[in-house]
Amino acid sequence: MLRYKLPLFSTLTLIVCVFGFASLSSAATLTLGNGNSATIGQIIQVPLFVSTEGNEVLNAVSAEVRFPAQLLTLQSISKTGSVMSFWAEEPTFSNSNGTASLQGIVPNPGWKGQNGNIVTLVFKVKASGTATISFSSASVLANDGLGTNILSKTYPKTLSLGDSAPQATSPGAISGTPLAPALTSSTHPDPSAWYNDADPLFSWKVPADVTAVRLLYDKSPVSSPSIPYSPAIDRKQLSDVSEGVYYFHAQFQNANGWGAISHMRFQIDTMPPKQFVISVVRQSSESHPQAIISFETTDATSGIDHYTVAVADAIPVTVTPDEASKAYSLPISESGRQRTVVKAYDRAGNTTTESMTLTIVAIEPPTITAYSKQLASGDTFTVSGTTYPNASVAITIKNSSGDTDTESTVVDGVGNFSLTWTKRLSADAYSFTAVAKNAAGVASPPTEPRTFAVVGAPLSGWGSIALQYLLVTFAIIAAVALVVGVGYILWFRLGHLRRRLKHMAVRSGRGVQYDFERIMDDLHSLATLLHKAKQSRQLSKEEDVILETLKHHLKKMEDDILSRLEQIDDEAGDG
């Protein structure tokens, strides 16, 4: 059985064995592509490509990607257009760790070719510098039934990230004049970012020798401020600034004159993106349960940053502008009429929302009609049910530790299926689910888990022997109790029967002796059986105690009964 949490490579290796076999492979590459430079605030897409050579066929791809979190923010991972059909591990990422990981699968007959898109990483540039996006681990597994790793090389991506709007200064004309003010903004801190706040606030520290400050804002990056404030102020709040790109200018004065000028860029966008229409490219159907839509809009000032798409009550999915323009496949959801909501975001965070109702068609999970609810160890697990004619059904069994294994069967022409598990199941508690895949290759959601149990093996072999010895032990104990009881009764009634026994001593005494001899023979046989068992196996502590106690009591009873019988003989002879 598969372990639930195996290392990445081991997991995909075992998955390969489940999904099938094809040609033996030897080499493949993974490449992080597109673009060499970007600026602060820009959204960039970095696709992850896989390529094979010759007749090489892949079955699974896994990768862990690292990126500099101080320079880039990973906003989403898009699977649109991926050559991967299934995901052993949905793409995940962590901006705090600067990592992204994925495990994708292509069922038999696998995939081969050049520059097949696996996922697209959507980043936002947060700081200037040189950013290298690379692989910390990766594997490409061949569709050969063995899970052969055919990855020969990985190609990272290095990006030059520039500051598109640095805080600039103009030098002072007179020596000894103040340095340019160090401008900051609590409302518009990033000169490259867009903000929907039309009331920016700027502040600076005033040196001790400064007597005045001049300020100005306009759309020129190099203007000289012209509005004086004396004594010098240390902040300025602007109000109701219209949309666009602006520059705030500041200059100090001391006893030597006016000094260097600071210029700080700020960007304002308070209007949402334009209204748009959601178009249906392809309606959902049984053979194609994913509806495809398209939507696209513009924003006059800051531009479109991204979209979110939500079907029914599902968590919204982030979609890039490029994905939206090419048409977007909605996630498969519950069948029926579902409201789809698309929200467009500009770079200042303003939004425009559109929605429409679509009929979503998805194939239903199989119906389970019968299965083995309780088995003995070694028995065969079977399950049967109904689904779409000529489909296939995959049964996944999970044990109490979370280990899973999967086997598949085909469905007949009227929709019936039956699967007999080929592997032995050890004693444990299990659950199973079933997934149907129709002739078009569309998979259903899994069924609700069903449970069954495998109990220990029936008593046979040593188990049967153990039971026999337990029965023998019980018989011995019962026989001892019987003998003790008979002896007590005989002793109690011996005085009353003495005169009668004088006349019957020989005949009755010998008869009693014969009966006791038979009992003793039986008890000796039972003791011998335990002794023989001790020669072939180690008796339990309790069995050892019973055997020794039995030997002791047998000897004592033999001596006592023979003594009494001799006494009876003597008394009979005297009589």
Protein backbone atom coordinates (compact mmCIF):
# COMPACT_ATOMS: atom_id res chain seq x y z
CA MET A 1 0.00 0.00 0.00
CA LEU A 2 1.05 3.59 -0.61
CA ARG A 3 2.01 5.67 2.39
CA TYR A 4 -0.02 8.81 2.80
CA LYS A 5 2.93 11.15 3.18
CA LEU A 6 5.77 9.93 1.11
CA PRO A 7 8.59 12.06 -0.15
CA LEU A 8 7.67 13.94 -3.34
CA PHE A 9 9.59 11.68 -5.70
CA SER A 10 8.37 8.45 -4.08
CA THR A 11 4.75 9.55 -4.26
CA LEU A 12 4.89 10.27 -7.97
CA THR A 13 6.85 7.08 -8.60
CA LEU A 14 4.05 4.99 -7.14
CA ILE A 15 1.39 7.00 -8.93
CA VAL A 16 3.12 6.18 -12.19
CA CYS A 17 2.71 2.47 -11.47
CA VAL A 18 -1.03 3.00 -11.05
CA PHE A 19 -1.62 5.05 -14.19
CA GLY A 20 0.03 2.83 -16.70
CA PHE A 21 2.95 1.91 -18.85
CA ALA A 22 4.48 3.18 -22.04
CA SER A 23 7.80 3.69 -23.72
CA LEU A 24 11.03 3.77 -21.71
CA SER A 25 12.48 7.29 -21.38
CA SER A 26 15.83 8.89 -20.64
CA ALA A 27 15.87 12.73 -20.69
CA ALA A 28 13.69 15.83 -20.13
CA THR A 29 14.14 19.48 -19.14
CA LEU A 30 12.26 22.02 -17.01
CA THR A 31 12.47 25.73 -17.91
CA LEU A 32 11.28 28.90 -16.20
CA GLY A 33 10.67 31.23 -19.16
CA ASN A 34 9.69 34.60 -20.54
CA GLY A 35 11.08 38.08 -19.90
CA ASN A 36 14.32 39.39 -18.51
CA SER A 37 13.36 42.64 -16.79
CA ALA A 38 10.52 44.36 -14.96
CA THR A 39 9.85 47.42 -12.86
CA ILE A 40 8.45 47.95 -9.37
CA GLY A 41 4.69 47.43 -9.25
CA GLN A 42 4.61 45.48 -12.50
CA ILE A 43 2.75 42.16 -12.79
CA ILE A 44 4.89 39.55 -14.54
CA GLN A 45 4.09 36.00 -15.62
CA VAL A 46 6.75 33.31 -15.45
CA PRO A 47 5.62 30.07 -17.15
CA LEU A 48 7.08 26.70 -16.20
CA PHE A 49 7.73 24.59 -19.30
CA VAL A 50 8.59 20.90 -19.69
CA SER A 51 10.25 19.41 -22.78
CA THR A 52 11.09 15.83 -23.72
CA GLU A 53 13.38 14.51 -26.42
CA GLY A 54 12.89 11.81 -29.04
CA ASN A 55 10.41 9.15 -28.04
CA GLU A 56 10.52 10.01 -24.39
CA VAL A 57 7.12 10.09 -22.69
CA LEU A 58 6.45 11.56 -19.28
CA ASN A 59 3.83 10.58 -16.74
CA ALA A 60 4.37 12.99 -13.84
CA VAL A 61 6.19 16.20 -12.98
CA SER A 62 7.06 17.58 -9.56
CA ALA A 63 8.90 20.76 -8.70
CA GLU A 64 9.71 23.10 -5.87
CA VAL A 65 10.56 26.60 -7.01
CA ARG A 66 12.36 29.26 -4.98
CA PHE A 67 12.15 33.02 -5.49
CA PRO A 68 13.45 36.08 -3.58
CA ALA A 69 10.51 37.10 -1.41
CA GLN A 70 12.12 40.47 -0.64
CA LEU A 71 11.90 41.37 -4.36
CA LEU A 72 8.84 39.48 -5.64
CA THR A 73 5.36 38.65 -4.37
CA LEU A 74 3.79 35.51 -5.85
CA GLN A 75 0.12 36.39 -6.34
CA SER A 76 -1.19 33.20 -7.94
CA ILE A 77 -0.33 30.01 -9.80
CA SER A 78 -2.36 29.49 -12.95
CA LYS A 79 -3.07 25.97 -14.29
CA THR A 80 -4.79 27.28 -17.42
CA GLY A 81 -3.51 25.48 -20.53
CA SER A 82 -1.51 22.98 -18.47
CA VAL A 83 -0.48 19.65 -20.03
CA MET A 84 -1.08 18.06 -16.60
CA SER A 85 -4.46 16.33 -16.28
CA PHE A 86 -4.46 15.60 -12.56
CA TRP A 87 -2.75 17.03 -9.50
CA ALA A 88 -1.33 14.75 -6.81
CA GLU A 89 -0.64 17.98 -4.97
CA GLU A 90 -2.41 21.18 -5.92
CA PRO A 91 0.06 24.01 -6.64
CA THR A 92 0.80 25.89 -3.43
CA PHE A 93 3.07 28.77 -2.50
CA SER A 94 4.40 30.71 0.46
CA ASN A 95 5.57 34.31 0.15
CA SER A 96 7.07 34.18 3.64
CA ASN A 97 9.33 31.28 2.61
CA GLY A 98 9.70 32.29 -1.04
CA THR A 99 8.63 28.86 -2.33
CA ALA A 100 6.11 27.28 -4.67
CA SER A 101 5.50 23.55 -5.19
CA LEU A 102 3.44 21.27 -7.40
CA GLN A 103 2.89 17.61 -8.39
CA GLY A 104 1.16 17.04 -11.72
CA ILE A 105 0.17 13.82 -13.47
CA VAL A 106 -0.55 12.85 -17.07
CA PRO A 107 -2.33 9.44 -17.26
CA ASN A 108 -1.34 6.79 -19.75
CA PRO A 109 -0.30 7.19 -22.59
CA GLY A 110 1.49 10.18 -21.03
CA TRP A 111 2.83 13.29 -22.78
CA LYS A 112 5.80 14.19 -24.94
CA GLY A 113 6.81 17.29 -26.83
CA GLN A 114 8.47 20.67 -26.51
CA ASN A 115 7.63 23.55 -24.16
CA GLY A 116 4.52 22.05 -22.62
CA ASN A 117 3.11 24.50 -20.09
CA ILE A 118 2.79 23.06 -16.59
CA VAL A 119 1.80 26.20 -14.64
CA THR A 120 2.31 29.95 -14.84
CA LEU A 121 3.66 31.81 -11.82
CA VAL A 122 2.15 35.30 -11.51
CA PHE A 123 4.47 37.70 -9.63
CA LYS A 124 4.29 41.35 -8.62
CA VAL A 125 7.56 43.26 -8.40
CA LYS A 126 7.95 44.81 -4.94
CA ALA A 127 11.56 46.07 -4.97
CA SER A 128 14.47 46.67 -7.32
CA GLY A 129 17.35 44.26 -7.69
CA THR A 130 18.29 41.04 -9.45
CA ALA A 131 15.79 38.24 -8.87
CA THR A 132 16.67 34.62 -9.66
CA ILE A 133 13.79 32.15 -9.79
CA SER A 134 15.16 28.61 -9.61
CA PHE A 135 14.41 24.97 -8.78
CA SER A 136 15.30 23.67 -5.30
CA SER A 137 14.09 20.19 -6.30
CA ALA A 138 12.39 18.68 -9.32
CA SER A 139 11.66 15.41 -11.12
CA VAL A 140 10.11 14.28 -14.39
CA LEU A 141 8.93 10.68 -14.25
CA ALA A 142 8.74 8.47 -17.32
CA ASN A 143 5.58 6.63 -18.31
CA ASP A 144 7.44 3.31 -18.12
CA GLY A 145 5.69 1.71 -15.15
CA LEU A 146 8.83 2.15 -13.04
CA GLY A 147 8.71 5.84 -12.30
CA THR A 148 12.13 6.48 -13.87
CA ASN A 149 13.31 10.04 -13.28
CA ILE A 150 14.24 11.35 -16.75
CA LEU A 151 14.98 14.96 -15.76
CA SER A 152 18.38 15.90 -17.17
CA LYS A 153 18.50 19.68 -16.69
CA THR A 154 16.64 22.64 -15.22
CA TYR A 155 16.81 26.23 -16.45
CA PRO A 156 16.21 29.03 -13.91
CA LYS A 157 15.08 32.58 -14.72
CA THR A 158 16.96 35.74 -13.75
CA LEU A 159 15.11 39.06 -13.84
CA SER A 160 16.47 42.58 -13.61
CA LEU A 161 14.05 44.56 -11.47
CA GLY A 162 14.28 48.34 -11.77
CA ASP A 163 12.84 51.19 -9.75
CA SER A 164 10.55 52.93 -12.22
CA ALA A 165 10.03 55.97 -10.05
CA PRO A 166 12.85 56.65 -7.60
CA GLN A 167 12.81 59.65 -5.31
CA ALA A 168 14.97 62.16 -7.15
CA THR A 169 16.80 65.28 -6.04
CA SER A 170 18.10 68.43 -7.71
CA PRO A 171 21.33 69.86 -6.21
CA GLY A 172 21.45 73.23 -4.47
CA ALA A 173 23.02 76.15 -6.34
CA ILE A 174 24.89 77.62 -3.35
CA SER A 175 27.46 75.84 -1.22
CA GLY A 176 26.43 75.44 2.43
CA THR A 177 22.74 75.34 1.71
CA PRO A 178 20.57 72.51 3.15
CA LEU A 179 20.43 69.00 1.72
CA ALA A 180 17.27 67.91 -0.08
CA PRO A 181 14.43 66.95 2.30
CA ALA A 182 13.97 63.21 2.87
CA LEU A 183 10.33 62.88 1.85
CA THR A 184 8.05 60.08 3.11
CA SER A 185 4.33 59.42 2.76
CA SER A 186 2.15 57.35 5.05
CA THR A 187 -0.67 57.34 2.49
CA HIS A 188 1.34 56.85 -0.72
CA PRO A 189 4.60 55.21 0.42
CA ASP A 190 5.52 53.43 -2.84
CA PRO A 191 6.25 55.81 -5.73
CA SER A 192 5.53 53.02 -8.23
CA ALA A 193 2.22 51.90 -6.73
CA TRP A 194 -1.24 53.21 -7.46
CA TYR A 195 -3.54 54.40 -4.68
CA ASN A 196 -7.25 55.26 -4.61
CA ASP A 197 -6.71 57.83 -1.85
CA ALA A 198 -7.05 61.36 -3.29
CA ASP A 199 -5.71 63.03 -0.13
CA PRO A 200 -2.02 62.18 0.08
CA LEU A 201 0.04 63.15 3.11
CA PHE A 202 3.80 63.93 2.90
CA SER A 203 6.21 64.50 5.78
CA TRP A 204 9.90 65.22 6.41
CA LYS A 205 12.26 66.13 9.22
CA VAL A 206 13.31 69.78 9.52
CA PRO A 207 17.00 70.32 10.44
CA ALA A 208 17.79 72.80 13.21
CA ASP A 209 19.30 75.44 10.88
CA VAL A 210 16.37 75.46 8.45
CA THR A 211 14.25 78.57 8.54
CA ALA A 212 11.76 77.93 5.73
CA VAL A 213 10.48 75.31 3.29
CA ARG A 214 9.03 75.61 -0.21
CA LEU A 215 6.52 73.12 -1.58
CA LEU A 216 4.75 72.27 -4.82
CA TYR A 217 3.01 69.37 -6.54
CA ASP A 218 2.43 69.01 -10.28
CA LYS A 219 2.95 66.51 -13.09
CA SER A 220 6.57 67.46 -13.83
CA PRO A 221 9.30 65.30 -12.27
CA VAL A 222 11.80 68.24 -11.99
CA SER A 223 9.80 71.33 -11.05
CA SER A 224 11.10 73.84 -8.51
CA PRO A 225 8.78 74.40 -5.54
CA SER A 226 7.35 77.90 -5.23
CA ILE A 227 5.03 78.02 -2.22
CA PRO A 228 7.00 79.07 0.90
CA TYR A 229 6.25 78.21 4.54
CA SER A 230 8.08 80.16 7.24
CA PRO A 231 8.73 78.96 9.82
CA ALA A 232 9.28 75.61 8.15
CA ILE A 233 6.53 72.99 8.48
CA ASP A 234 7.27 69.23 8.62
CA ARG A 235 4.22 67.84 6.77
CA LYS A 236 1.66 68.66 4.10
CA GLN A 237 -1.74 67.11 3.43
CA LEU A 238 -3.09 67.51 -0.11
CA SER A 239 -6.81 67.17 -0.75
CA ASP A 240 -9.01 66.03 -3.59
CA VAL A 241 -6.21 65.43 -6.06
CA SER A 242 -7.51 64.25 -9.42
CA GLU A 243 -6.40 61.01 -11.06
CA GLY A 244 -2.96 60.72 -12.60
CA VAL A 245 0.78 60.66 -11.94
CA TYR A 246 2.13 63.54 -9.86
CA TYR A 247 5.32 64.72 -8.18
CA PHE A 248 5.66 66.39 -4.82
CA HIS A 249 8.58 68.86 -4.59
CA ALA A 250 10.19 70.21 -1.41
CA GLN A 251 13.16 72.52 -0.64
CA PHE A 252 14.76 73.83 2.57
CA GLN A 253 16.23 77.28 3.26
CA ASN A 254 18.92 78.20 5.81
CA ALA A 255 21.12 81.24 6.35
CA ASN A 256 23.08 80.44 3.18
CA GLY A 257 20.03 80.23 0.93
CA TRP A 258 17.75 77.68 -0.68
CA GLY A 259 19.17 74.17 -0.90
CA ALA A 260 18.65 71.00 -2.94
CA ILE A 261 15.16 69.92 -4.07
CA SER A 262 13.44 66.58 -3.47
CA HIS A 263 10.95 65.17 -5.98
CA MET A 264 8.67 62.33 -4.88
CA ARG A 265 6.31 60.63 -7.32
CA PHE A 266 2.80 59.62 -6.32
CA GLN A 267 -0.02 58.01 -8.35
CA ILE A 268 -3.76 58.31 -7.84
CA ASP A 269 -6.59 56.32 -9.42
CA THR A 270 -10.02 56.59 -7.86
CA MET A 271 -12.17 55.34 -10.73
CA PRO A 272 -13.03 51.64 -11.20
CA PRO A 273 -12.37 49.69 -14.42
CA LYS A 274 -14.86 50.00 -17.23
CA GLN A 275 -17.99 47.84 -17.20
CA PHE A 276 -17.60 44.63 -19.19
CA VAL A 277 -19.55 41.62 -20.42
CA ILE A 278 -18.97 37.95 -19.63
CA SER A 279 -19.16 35.89 -22.81
CA VAL A 280 -19.72 32.13 -22.95
CA VAL A 281 -17.22 30.53 -25.29
CA ARG A 282 -18.44 26.98 -24.63
CA GLN A 283 -21.29 25.86 -22.46
CA SER A 284 -20.76 23.01 -20.04
CA SER A 285 -21.77 19.54 -21.23
CA GLU A 286 -21.42 15.96 -20.10
CA SER A 287 -18.43 15.40 -22.37
CA HIS A 288 -16.96 18.78 -21.42
CA PRO A 289 -18.11 19.63 -17.90
CA GLN A 290 -16.02 22.82 -17.77
CA ALA A 291 -17.73 25.87 -19.19
CA ILE A 292 -15.37 28.33 -20.92
CA ILE A 293 -15.95 32.05 -20.61
CA SER A 294 -14.15 35.19 -21.68
CA PHE A 295 -14.13 38.62 -20.11
CA GLU A 296 -11.93 41.63 -20.59
CA THR A 297 -12.00 45.27 -19.66
CA THR A 298 -9.70 48.26 -19.37
CA ASP A 299 -8.84 50.91 -16.85
CA ALA A 300 -7.97 54.34 -18.17
CA THR A 301 -5.58 55.37 -15.42
CA SER A 302 -3.68 52.60 -13.65
CA GLY A 303 -4.61 49.63 -15.85
CA ILE A 304 -6.03 46.20 -14.99
CA ASP A 305 -4.09 44.31 -12.34
CA HIS A 306 -6.07 41.06 -12.16
CA TYR A 307 -9.51 39.44 -12.05
CA THR A 308 -11.18 37.06 -9.63
CA VAL A 309 -13.69 34.41 -10.69
CA ALA A 310 -16.04 32.63 -8.29
CA VAL A 311 -18.61 29.97 -9.13
CA ALA A 312 -21.46 29.72 -6.62
CA ASP A 313 -20.02 29.93 -3.10
CA ALA A 314 -16.54 28.73 -4.03
CA ILE A 315 -13.42 30.67 -3.04
CA PRO A 316 -12.62 33.18 -5.81
CA VAL A 317 -9.79 32.24 -8.16
CA THR A 318 -7.29 34.87 -9.32
CA VAL A 319 -7.05 35.24 -13.11
CA THR A 320 -4.44 37.28 -14.95
CA PRO A 321 -5.41 39.70 -17.74
CA ASP A 322 -3.65 37.44 -20.23
CA GLU A 323 -5.69 34.41 -19.09
CA ALA A 324 -8.91 36.39 -19.33
CA SER A 325 -8.20 37.54 -22.89
CA LYS A 326 -7.60 33.96 -24.07
CA ALA A 327 -10.80 32.57 -22.46
CA TYR A 328 -10.99 31.00 -19.05
CA SER A 329 -12.16 27.50 -18.12
CA LEU A 330 -14.36 27.61 -15.05
CA PRO A 331 -13.53 25.16 -12.27
CA ILE A 332 -15.75 22.07 -12.30
CA SER A 333 -18.40 22.55 -9.64
CA GLU A 334 -21.68 21.03 -8.61
CA SER A 335 -24.04 20.51 -11.49
CA GLY A 336 -26.98 22.81 -11.99
CA ARG A 337 -27.52 26.52 -12.47
CA GLN A 338 -24.65 28.36 -10.81
CA ARG A 339 -24.00 32.08 -10.51
CA THR A 340 -20.58 33.04 -11.80
CA VAL A 341 -19.10 36.31 -10.48
CA VAL A 342 -16.16 38.05 -12.18
CA LYS A 343 -14.50 41.01 -10.48
CA ALA A 344 -11.95 43.23 -12.25
CA TYR A 345 -9.29 45.01 -10.15
CA ASP A 346 -7.21 47.93 -11.31
CA ARG A 347 -3.76 48.59 -9.87
CA ALA A 348 -5.17 50.98 -7.29
CA GLY A 349 -7.56 48.35 -5.93
CA ASN A 350 -10.74 49.75 -7.49
CA THR A 351 -13.14 47.06 -8.69
CA THR A 352 -15.90 46.44 -11.19
CA THR A 353 -18.12 43.37 -10.83
CA GLU A 354 -20.12 41.43 -13.41
CA SER A 355 -22.03 38.18 -13.08
CA MET A 356 -24.06 35.67 -15.04
CA THR A 357 -25.81 32.38 -14.40
CA LEU A 358 -24.54 29.27 -16.16
CA THR A 359 -25.78 25.70 -16.23
CA ILE A 360 -22.92 23.51 -15.08
CA VAL A 361 -22.95 19.89 -16.21
CA ALA A 362 -20.59 17.44 -14.55
CA ILE A 363 -20.65 13.65 -14.64
CA GLU A 364 -21.99 12.13 -11.48
CA PRO A 365 -20.00 9.86 -9.14
CA PRO A 366 -20.62 6.10 -9.48
CA THR A 367 -23.43 4.48 -7.51
CA ILE A 368 -22.20 1.73 -5.17
CA THR A 369 -24.72 -1.11 -4.99
CA ALA A 370 -22.78 -3.74 -3.04
CA TYR A 371 -19.43 -4.26 -1.36
CA SER A 372 -17.73 -6.46 1.22
CA LYS A 373 -18.47 -4.92 4.61
CA GLN A 374 -16.49 -7.41 6.72
CA LEU A 375 -13.85 -9.90 5.66
CA ALA A 376 -11.47 -12.32 7.32
CA SER A 377 -7.78 -11.78 6.67
CA GLY A 378 -6.99 -13.29 3.31
CA ASP A 379 -10.53 -12.97 1.96
CA THR A 380 -11.11 -10.96 -1.23
CA PHE A 381 -12.65 -7.49 -1.18
CA THR A 382 -15.24 -6.88 -3.88
CA VAL A 383 -17.30 -3.85 -4.86
CA SER A 384 -19.91 -3.35 -7.55
CA GLY A 385 -22.15 -0.58 -8.79
CA THR A 386 -23.43 1.39 -11.74
CA THR A 387 -22.26 4.42 -13.70
CA TYR A 388 -21.94 5.59 -17.30
CA PRO A 389 -21.74 2.79 -19.93
CA ASN A 390 -18.25 2.02 -21.25
CA ALA A 391 -16.65 4.25 -18.61
CA SER A 392 -13.92 3.24 -16.17
CA VAL A 393 -14.05 3.26 -12.38
CA ALA A 394 -11.10 3.70 -10.03
CA ILE A 395 -11.49 2.41 -6.46
CA THR A 396 -9.18 3.92 -3.84
CA ILE A 397 -8.84 2.11 -0.49
CA LYS A 398 -7.42 3.82 2.60
CA ASN A 399 -6.43 2.07 5.83
CA SER A 400 -6.56 3.44 9.38
CA SER A 401 -3.04 4.89 9.01
CA GLY A 402 -3.99 6.89 5.93
CA ASP A 403 -2.14 4.67 3.44
CA THR A 404 -3.94 4.43 0.11
CA ASP A 405 -3.97 2.18 -2.92
CA THR A 406 -6.01 2.30 -6.13
CA GLU A 407 -7.27 -0.29 -8.60
CA SER A 408 -9.46 0.23 -11.66
CA THR A 409 -12.04 -1.67 -13.68
CA VAL A 410 -14.06 -1.10 -16.85
CA VAL A 411 -17.80 -0.58 -17.04
CA ASP A 412 -19.93 -2.70 -19.36
CA GLY A 413 -22.24 -1.43 -22.09
CA VAL A 414 -25.21 -0.96 -19.78
CA GLY A 415 -23.31 0.80 -16.98
CA ASN A 416 -22.55 -2.04 -14.54
CA PHE A 417 -19.16 -2.61 -13.00
CA SER A 418 -17.58 -4.96 -10.51
CA LEU A 419 -14.07 -4.95 -9.09
CA THR A 420 -12.30 -7.70 -7.17
CA TRP A 421 -9.30 -6.39 -5.24
CA THR A 422 -6.16 -8.20 -6.33
CA LYS A 423 -4.02 -7.56 -3.25
CA ARG A 424 -4.30 -9.21 0.18
CA LEU A 425 -5.66 -6.91 2.86
CA SER A 426 -4.36 -7.26 6.39
CA ALA A 427 -6.57 -6.98 9.47
CA ASP A 428 -7.55 -3.30 9.82
CA ALA A 429 -10.35 -0.78 9.38
CA TYR A 430 -10.67 0.59 5.83
CA SER A 431 -12.60 3.14 3.79
CA PHE A 432 -12.93 3.44 0.03
CA THR A 433 -14.10 5.91 -2.60
CA ALA A 434 -14.89 5.48 -6.28
CA VAL A 435 -14.31 7.84 -9.21
CA ALA A 436 -15.83 7.36 -12.65
CA LYS A 437 -14.23 8.52 -15.88
CA ASN A 438 -16.38 8.60 -18.99
CA ALA A 439 -15.36 7.75 -22.53
CA ALA A 440 -14.34 11.38 -23.13
CA GLY A 441 -11.86 11.19 -20.25
CA VAL A 442 -13.89 13.41 -17.92
CA ALA A 443 -13.61 12.33 -14.29
CA SER A 444 -16.37 12.57 -11.70
CA PRO A 445 -16.03 13.72 -8.12
CA PRO A 446 -15.33 10.85 -5.71
CA THR A 447 -18.14 9.06 -3.94
CA GLU A 448 -18.69 9.52 -0.24
CA PRO A 449 -16.31 7.23 1.70
CA ARG A 450 -17.68 3.79 2.58
CA THR A 451 -16.14 1.72 5.38
CA PHE A 452 -15.37 -1.95 5.85
CA ALA A 453 -13.24 -4.08 8.14
CA VAL A 454 -10.84 -6.98 7.80
CA VAL A 455 -10.72 -9.13 10.94
CA GLY A 456 -8.05 -11.61 12.01
CA ALA A 457 -7.57 -15.01 10.35
CA PRO A 458 -9.96 -17.86 11.24
CA LEU A 459 -8.69 -20.38 13.79
CA SER A 460 -6.57 -22.90 11.95
CA GLY A 461 -3.10 -24.37 12.27
CA TRP A 462 -1.50 -23.17 15.50
CA GLY A 463 -4.67 -21.29 16.33
CA SER A 464 -6.57 -24.57 16.27
CA ILE A 465 -3.87 -26.25 18.36
CA ALA A 466 -4.04 -23.45 20.88
CA LEU A 467 -7.79 -23.88 21.12
CA GLN A 468 -7.37 -27.63 21.64
CA TYR A 469 -4.96 -27.08 24.50
CA LEU A 470 -7.28 -24.56 26.07
CA LEU A 471 -10.03 -27.18 25.92
CA VAL A 472 -7.67 -29.77 27.39
CA THR A 473 -6.79 -27.38 30.19
CA PHE A 474 -10.47 -26.86 30.94
CA ALA A 475 -11.09 -30.58 30.91
CA ILE A 476 -8.21 -31.16 33.31
CA ILE A 477 -9.49 -28.58 35.73
CA ALA A 478 -12.97 -30.08 35.55
CA ALA A 479 -11.57 -33.60 36.10
CA VAL A 480 -9.55 -32.48 39.13
CA ALA A 481 -12.65 -30.86 40.61
CA LEU A 482 -14.61 -34.06 39.97
CA VAL A 483 -12.01 -36.26 41.62
CA VAL A 484 -11.74 -34.01 44.64
CA GLY A 485 -15.52 -33.92 44.95
CA VAL A 486 -15.84 -37.70 44.65
CA GLY A 487 -13.06 -38.22 47.16
CA TYR A 488 -14.72 -35.89 49.62
CA ILE A 489 -18.07 -37.62 49.25
CA LEU A 490 -16.47 -41.03 49.69
CA TRP A 491 -14.58 -39.94 52.75
CA PHE A 492 -17.68 -38.33 54.31
CA ARG A 493 -19.82 -41.42 53.79
CA LEU A 494 -17.04 -43.85 54.62
CA GLY A 495 -18.06 -44.18 58.31
CA HIS A 496 -21.65 -44.94 57.45
CA LEU A 497 -20.70 -47.48 54.89
CA ARG A 498 -17.95 -49.22 56.86
CA ARG A 499 -20.03 -52.21 58.05
CA ARG A 500 -21.57 -52.74 54.67
CA LEU A 501 -18.16 -52.41 53.09
CA LYS A 502 -16.80 -55.14 55.30
CA HIS A 503 -18.97 -57.59 53.36
CA MET A 504 -18.51 -55.87 50.02
CA ALA A 505 -14.92 -54.69 50.48
CA VAL A 506 -13.17 -56.89 48.04
CA ARG A 507 -15.73 -56.56 45.27
CA SER A 508 -16.66 -52.91 45.82
CA GLY A 509 -13.14 -51.80 46.71
CA ARG A 510 -11.75 -53.31 43.56
CA GLY A 511 -14.58 -51.75 41.55
CA VAL A 512 -13.86 -48.31 42.99
CA GLN A 513 -10.17 -48.88 42.40
CA TYR A 514 -10.91 -49.78 38.78
CA ASP A 515 -13.02 -46.63 38.30
CA PHE A 516 -10.36 -44.42 39.86
CA GLU A 517 -7.70 -46.07 37.77
CA ARG A 518 -9.68 -45.16 34.65
CA ILE A 519 -9.98 -41.53 35.86
CA MET A 520 -6.30 -41.52 36.65
CA ASP A 521 -5.50 -42.88 33.19
CA ASP A 522 -7.53 -40.10 31.57
CA LEU A 523 -5.86 -37.45 33.71
CA HIS A 524 -2.44 -38.91 32.94
CA SER A 525 -3.28 -38.76 29.22
CA LEU A 526 -4.23 -35.13 29.52
CA ALA A 527 -1.04 -34.38 31.43
CA THR A 528 0.96 -36.23 28.77
CA LEU A 529 -0.70 -34.14 26.03
CA LEU A 530 0.41 -30.95 27.75
CA HIS A 531 3.89 -32.39 28.26
CA LYS A 532 4.18 -33.21 24.53
CA ALA A 533 3.04 -29.70 23.67
CA LYS A 534 5.82 -28.41 25.89
CA GLN A 535 8.33 -30.30 23.75
CA SER A 536 7.26 -28.53 20.51
CA ARG A 537 6.49 -25.08 21.84
CA GLN A 538 6.85 -23.02 24.94
CA LEU A 539 3.82 -23.32 27.17
CA SER A 540 2.25 -20.21 28.53
CA LYS A 541 2.87 -19.35 32.14
CA GLU A 542 -0.66 -20.42 33.01
CA GLU A 543 -0.28 -23.78 31.17
CA ASP A 544 2.97 -24.51 33.04
CA VAL A 545 1.27 -23.88 36.38
CA ILE A 546 -1.65 -26.14 35.42
CA LEU A 547 0.71 -28.98 34.34
CA GLU A 548 2.80 -28.91 37.53
CA THR A 549 -0.26 -28.60 39.76
CA LEU A 550 -1.88 -31.54 37.94
CA LYS A 551 1.20 -33.73 38.43
CA HIS A 552 1.28 -32.88 42.13
CA HIS A 553 -2.39 -33.58 42.74
CA LEU A 554 -2.36 -36.78 40.68
CA LYS A 555 0.49 -38.16 42.76
CA LYS A 556 -1.17 -37.14 46.02
CA MET A 557 -4.55 -38.59 45.00
CA GLU A 558 -2.99 -41.86 43.85
CA ASP A 559 -1.22 -42.32 47.16
CA ASP A 560 -4.25 -41.35 49.21
CA ILE A 561 -6.72 -43.54 47.28
CA LEU A 562 -4.43 -46.59 47.35
CA SER A 563 -3.96 -46.11 51.08
CA ARG A 564 -7.69 -45.99 51.64
CA LEU A 565 -8.32 -49.03 49.48
CA GLU A 566 -5.66 -51.01 51.39
CA GLN A 567 -7.33 -49.99 54.65
CA ILE A 568 -10.68 -51.16 53.31
CA ASP A 569 -9.11 -54.48 52.27
CA ASP A 570 -7.62 -54.90 55.71
CA GLU A 571 -10.88 -54.10 57.44
CA ALA A 572 -12.72 -56.43 55.14
CA GLY A 573 -10.24 -59.17 55.92
CA ASP A 574 -10.67 -58.59 59.65
CA GLY A 575 -14.41 -58.79 59.28
